[in-house]
C-alpha atoms as a PDB file:
ATOM      1  CA  MET A   1      83.987  76.690 224.934  1.00  0.00           C
ATOM      2  CA  THR A   2      85.910  79.850 224.170  1.00  0.00           C
ATOM      3  CA  PRO A   3      85.968  80.569 220.441  1.00  0.00           C
ATOM      4  CA  MET A   4      89.329  80.203 218.779  1.00  0.00           C
ATOM      5  CA  THR A   5      90.763  83.650 218.345  1.00  0.00           C
ATOM      6  CA  ASP A   6      94.279  84.964 218.006  1.00  0.00           C
ATOM      7  CA  ASP A   7      93.850  87.207 221.048  1.00  0.00           C
ATOM      8  CA  ASN A   8      95.073  85.327 224.113  1.00  0.00           C
ATOM      9  CA  SER A   9      95.208  88.344 226.411  1.00  0.00           C
ATOM     10  CA  ASP A  10      91.826  87.795 228.005  1.00  0.00           C
ATOM     11  CA  LEU A  11      91.949  84.013 228.436  1.00  0.00           C
ATOM     12  CA  SER A  12      92.213  82.549 231.904  1.00  0.00           C
ATOM     13  CA  TYR A  13      94.326  79.463 232.470  1.00  0.00           C
ATOM     14  CA  GLU A  14      91.187  77.329 232.576  1.00  0.00           C
ATOM     15  CA  GLN A  15      89.860  78.765 229.316  1.00  0.00           C
ATOM     16  CA  ALA A  16      93.196  78.311 227.548  1.00  0.00           C
ATOM     17  CA  ARG A  17      93.511  74.734 228.827  1.00  0.00           C
ATOM     18  CA  GLU A  18      89.951  73.910 227.771  1.00  0.00           C
ATOM     19  CA  GLU A  19      90.514  75.307 224.291  1.00  0.00           C
ATOM     20  CA  LEU A  20      93.834  73.448 224.028  1.00  0.00           C
ATOM     21  CA  VAL A  21      92.074  70.184 224.879  1.00  0.00           C
ATOM     22  CA  GLU A  22      89.546  70.907 222.123  1.00  0.00           C
ATOM     23  CA  VAL A  23      92.315  71.652 219.614  1.00  0.00           C
ATOM     24  CA  VAL A  24      94.018  68.352 220.427  1.00  0.00           C
ATOM     25  CA  ARG A  25      90.714  66.481 220.157  1.00  0.00           C
ATOM     26  CA  LYS A  26      90.075  67.931 216.697  1.00  0.00           C
ATOM     27  CA  LEU A  27      93.597  67.121 215.521  1.00  0.00           C
ATOM     28  CA  GLU A  28      93.362  63.559 216.815  1.00  0.00           C
ATOM     29  CA  ALA A  29      89.956  63.052 215.196  1.00  0.00           C
ATOM     30  CA  GLY A  30      91.355  63.875 211.765  1.00  0.00           C
ATOM     31  CA  GLY A  31      89.160  64.386 208.741  1.00  0.00           C
ATOM     32  CA  ILE A  32      90.227  67.988 208.283  1.00  0.00           C
ATOM     33  CA  THR A  33      92.249  69.659 205.582  1.00  0.00           C
ATOM     34  CA  LEU A  34      95.962  70.292 205.817  1.00  0.00           C
ATOM     35  CA  GLU A  35      95.307  74.014 206.139  1.00  0.00           C
ATOM     36  CA  GLU A  36      92.852  73.438 208.990  1.00  0.00           C
ATOM     37  CA  SER A  37      95.337  71.102 210.671  1.00  0.00           C
ATOM     38  CA  LEU A  38      98.109  73.670 210.438  1.00  0.00           C
ATOM     39  CA  ALA A  39      95.879  76.420 211.805  1.00  0.00           C
ATOM     40  CA  LEU A  40      94.844  74.214 214.718  1.00  0.00           C
ATOM     41  CA  TRP A  41      98.469  73.228 215.364  1.00  0.00           C
ATOM     42  CA  GLU A  42      99.543  76.873 215.476  1.00  0.00           C
ATOM     43  CA  ARG A  43      96.636  77.741 217.782  1.00  0.00           C
ATOM     44  CA  GLY A  44      97.560  74.812 220.002  1.00  0.00           C
ATOM     45  CA  GLU A  45     101.154  76.031 220.247  1.00  0.00           C
ATOM     46  CA  LYS A  46      99.969  79.486 221.294  1.00  0.00           C
ATOM     47  CA  LEU A  47      97.612  78.026 223.877  1.00  0.00           C
ATOM     48  CA  ALA A  48     100.290  75.674 225.234  1.00  0.00           C
ATOM     49  CA  THR A  49     102.661  78.635 225.610  1.00  0.00           C
ATOM     50  CA  LEU A  50      99.979  80.639 227.401  1.00  0.00           C
ATOM     51  CA  CYS A  51      99.255  77.747 229.776  1.00  0.00           C
ATOM     52  CA  GLN A  52     102.969  77.353 230.479  1.00  0.00           C
ATOM     53  CA  GLU A  53     103.241  81.066 231.282  1.00  0.00           C
ATOM     54  CA  TRP A  54     100.323  80.766 233.728  1.00  0.00           C
ATOM     55  CA  LEU A  55     101.937  77.743 235.387  1.00  0.00           C
ATOM     56  CA  ASP A  56     105.350  79.416 235.563  1.00  0.00           C
ATOM     57  CA  GLY A  57     103.760  82.459 237.217  1.00  0.00           C
ATOM     58  CA  ALA A  58     101.985  80.256 239.745  1.00  0.00           C
ATOM     59  CA  ARG A  59     105.238  78.395 240.447  1.00  0.00           C
ATOM     60  CA  LYS A  60     107.040  81.687 241.101  1.00  0.00           C
ATOM     61  CA  LYS A  61     104.316  82.782 243.534  1.00  0.00           C
ATOM     62  CA  ILE A  62     104.506  79.474 245.386  1.00  0.00           C
ATOM     63  CA  ASP A  63     108.300  79.617 245.542  1.00  0.00           C
ATOM     64  CA  ALA A  64     108.113  83.186 246.866  1.00  0.00           C
ATOM     65  CA  ALA A  65     105.566  82.194 249.500  1.00  0.00           C
ATOM     66  CA  ILE A  66     107.716  79.271 250.626  1.00  0.00           C
ATOM     67  CA  ALA A  67     110.786  81.504 250.768  1.00  0.00           C
ATOM     68  CA  ASP A  68     108.912  83.961 253.016  1.00  0.00           C
ATOM     69  CA  ASP A  69     108.300  81.264 255.639  1.00  0.00           C
END
């Protein structure tokens, strides 16, 4: 798994998604401090945004390819 860092610039969609799944798993498992929960939540938000940007970019490419037909 990719280590949790604040630098998202070098994460692929798959890496970001995998890390997001891990963040959710840790939050659902509980047993962590409030500070740890908040840090994970913030990281999860950043990863979710990154994944959405990847998906939006893919959608635009698909739409452009369909329009070219």
